[in-house]
């Protein structure tokens, strides 16, 4: 099961401020919605985040 990340975790992973983290999360969640996935506002699927960032694994 994929882990859902919070904005604080996205900030840490991406080394960005909160506003940018929320924009990244929104972009990824919008893309997931288009593909037919259910999304939770304020959370982002870790697998999709790493894929979108071009990171191979979940090594943080």
N, C-alpha and C. Protein backbone atom coordinates (compact mmCIF):
# COMPACT_ATOMS: atom_id res chain seq x y z
N UNK A 1 0.84 -1.18 0.00
CA UNK A 1 0.00 0.00 0.00
C UNK A 1 0.89 1.25 0.00
N UNK A 2 0.55 2.19 -0.83
CA UNK A 2 1.35 3.40 -0.95
C UNK A 2 1.10 4.32 0.25
N UNK A 3 2.13 5.01 0.62
CA UNK A 3 2.03 5.94 1.75
C UNK A 3 1.57 7.30 1.26
N UNK A 4 0.73 7.93 2.05
CA UNK A 4 0.29 9.28 1.76
C UNK A 4 1.14 10.25 2.57
N UNK A 5 1.70 11.23 1.89
CA UNK A 5 2.59 12.19 2.53
C UNK A 5 1.85 13.48 2.85
N UNK A 6 2.26 14.14 3.92
CA UNK A 6 1.70 15.44 4.30
C UNK A 6 2.56 16.54 3.67
N UNK A 7 2.10 17.77 3.79
CA UNK A 7 2.84 18.89 3.22
C UNK A 7 4.21 19.04 3.88
N UNK A 8 4.31 18.79 5.15
CA UNK A 8 5.60 18.89 5.85
C UNK A 8 6.60 17.88 5.28
N UNK A 9 6.13 16.68 4.99
CA UNK A 9 7.01 15.65 4.42
C UNK A 9 7.44 16.03 3.00
N UNK A 10 6.52 16.59 2.23
CA UNK A 10 6.84 17.03 0.86
C UNK A 10 7.86 18.16 0.92
N UNK A 11 7.69 19.09 1.85
CA UNK A 11 8.66 20.19 2.03
C UNK A 11 10.06 19.63 2.27
N UNK A 12 10.14 18.65 3.15
CA UNK A 12 11.43 18.06 3.51
C UNK A 12 12.05 17.31 2.33
N UNK A 13 11.26 16.51 1.65
CA UNK A 13 11.75 15.72 0.52
C UNK A 13 12.24 16.62 -0.61
N UNK A 14 11.45 17.64 -0.93
CA UNK A 14 11.75 18.51 -2.07
C UNK A 14 12.61 19.71 -1.71
N UNK A 15 12.79 19.93 -0.40
CA UNK A 15 13.55 21.09 0.07
C UNK A 15 12.97 22.39 -0.49
N UNK A 16 11.64 22.53 -0.30
CA UNK A 16 10.93 23.73 -0.74
C UNK A 16 10.10 24.26 0.42
N UNK A 17 9.59 25.47 0.25
CA UNK A 17 8.73 26.07 1.27
C UNK A 17 7.31 25.52 1.13
N UNK A 18 6.49 25.82 2.12
CA UNK A 18 5.15 25.26 2.20
C UNK A 18 4.29 25.57 0.98
N UNK A 19 4.31 26.80 0.50
CA UNK A 19 3.49 27.18 -0.64
C UNK A 19 3.81 26.35 -1.88
N UNK A 20 5.10 26.18 -2.14
CA UNK A 20 5.53 25.39 -3.30
C UNK A 20 5.15 23.92 -3.11
N UNK A 21 5.26 23.42 -1.90
CA UNK A 21 4.90 22.03 -1.62
C UNK A 21 3.41 21.79 -1.90
N UNK A 22 2.57 22.74 -1.48
CA UNK A 22 1.14 22.61 -1.75
C UNK A 22 0.85 22.63 -3.26
N UNK A 23 1.57 23.48 -4.01
CA UNK A 23 1.36 23.53 -5.46
C UNK A 23 1.76 22.21 -6.12
N UNK A 24 2.88 21.63 -5.67
CA UNK A 24 3.31 20.33 -6.19
C UNK A 24 2.26 19.26 -5.89
N UNK A 25 1.77 19.27 -4.65
CA UNK A 25 0.77 18.29 -4.26
C UNK A 25 -0.51 18.44 -5.09
N UNK A 26 -0.94 19.67 -5.33
CA UNK A 26 -2.14 19.91 -6.12
C UNK A 26 -1.95 19.42 -7.55
N UNK A 27 -0.79 19.69 -8.12
CA UNK A 27 -0.50 19.26 -9.49
C UNK A 27 -0.56 17.73 -9.59
N UNK A 28 0.07 17.05 -8.64
CA UNK A 28 0.09 15.59 -8.66
C UNK A 28 -1.31 15.03 -8.42
N UNK A 29 -2.04 15.61 -7.45
CA UNK A 29 -3.40 15.13 -7.18
C UNK A 29 -4.34 15.37 -8.36
N UNK A 30 -4.19 16.50 -9.04
CA UNK A 30 -5.01 16.77 -10.24
C UNK A 30 -4.74 15.73 -11.32
N UNK A 31 -3.47 15.40 -11.50
CA UNK A 31 -3.09 14.39 -12.49
C UNK A 31 -3.67 13.02 -12.12
N UNK A 32 -3.62 12.69 -10.83
CA UNK A 32 -4.17 11.41 -10.38
C UNK A 32 -5.68 11.36 -10.59
N UNK A 33 -6.38 12.48 -10.33
CA UNK A 33 -7.83 12.55 -10.55
C UNK A 33 -8.17 12.27 -12.00
N UNK A 34 -7.39 12.87 -12.92
CA UNK A 34 -7.62 12.67 -14.35
C UNK A 34 -7.48 11.19 -14.73
N UNK A 35 -6.62 10.48 -14.01
CA UNK A 35 -6.40 9.05 -14.27
C UNK A 35 -7.44 8.18 -13.57
N UNK A 36 -8.34 8.81 -12.81
CA UNK A 36 -9.41 8.06 -12.17
C UNK A 36 -9.16 7.65 -10.73
N UNK A 37 -8.09 8.14 -10.13
CA UNK A 37 -7.80 7.81 -8.74
C UNK A 37 -8.56 8.73 -7.80
N UNK A 38 -8.85 8.24 -6.61
CA UNK A 38 -9.39 9.08 -5.54
C UNK A 38 -8.21 9.76 -4.86
N UNK A 39 -8.36 11.01 -4.52
CA UNK A 39 -7.29 11.73 -3.84
C UNK A 39 -7.83 12.35 -2.57
N UNK A 40 -6.93 12.61 -1.63
CA UNK A 40 -7.28 13.25 -0.38
C UNK A 40 -6.54 14.59 -0.34
N UNK A 41 -7.30 15.67 -0.22
CA UNK A 41 -6.70 17.00 -0.16
C UNK A 41 -5.76 17.10 1.03
N UNK A 42 -4.60 17.67 0.81
CA UNK A 42 -3.63 17.82 1.88
C UNK A 42 -2.72 16.62 2.04
N UNK A 43 -2.90 15.63 1.19
CA UNK A 43 -2.06 14.43 1.19
C UNK A 43 -1.70 14.12 -0.26
N UNK A 44 -0.55 13.48 -0.45
CA UNK A 44 -0.14 13.09 -1.79
C UNK A 44 0.46 11.69 -1.73
N UNK A 45 0.20 10.92 -2.76
CA UNK A 45 0.71 9.56 -2.86
C UNK A 45 2.22 9.62 -3.06
N UNK A 46 2.97 8.94 -2.20
CA UNK A 46 4.43 9.01 -2.26
C UNK A 46 4.98 8.45 -3.57
N UNK A 47 4.38 7.38 -4.06
CA UNK A 47 4.86 6.77 -5.31
C UNK A 47 4.75 7.74 -6.48
N UNK A 48 3.60 8.43 -6.58
CA UNK A 48 3.41 9.40 -7.66
C UNK A 48 4.35 10.59 -7.49
N UNK A 49 4.59 11.02 -6.26
CA UNK A 49 5.50 12.14 -6.03
C UNK A 49 6.91 11.78 -6.51
N UNK A 50 7.41 10.63 -6.08
CA UNK A 50 8.76 10.22 -6.47
C UNK A 50 8.86 10.04 -7.99
N UNK A 51 7.81 9.48 -8.60
CA UNK A 51 7.80 9.31 -10.05
C UNK A 51 7.85 10.66 -10.76
N UNK A 52 7.04 11.60 -10.28
CA UNK A 52 6.96 12.94 -10.89
C UNK A 52 8.30 13.68 -10.75
N UNK A 53 9.00 13.45 -9.63
CA UNK A 53 10.28 14.10 -9.40
C UNK A 53 11.44 13.38 -10.09
N UNK A 54 11.16 12.21 -10.64
CA UNK A 54 12.21 11.45 -11.32
C UNK A 54 13.14 10.75 -10.36
N UNK A 55 12.67 10.50 -9.15
CA UNK A 55 13.46 9.78 -8.16
C UNK A 55 13.12 8.30 -8.23
N UNK A 56 14.13 7.46 -8.21
CA UNK A 56 13.92 6.03 -8.38
C UNK A 56 13.12 5.37 -7.29
N UNK A 57 13.52 5.60 -6.04
CA UNK A 57 12.85 4.89 -4.95
C UNK A 57 12.39 5.84 -3.88
N UNK A 58 11.98 5.27 -2.78
CA UNK A 58 11.50 6.06 -1.65
C UNK A 58 12.60 6.35 -0.65
N UNK A 59 13.84 6.46 -1.11
CA UNK A 59 14.96 6.76 -0.22
C UNK A 59 14.99 8.24 0.09
N UNK A 60 14.74 8.57 1.33
CA UNK A 60 14.72 9.98 1.74
C UNK A 60 15.89 10.22 2.65
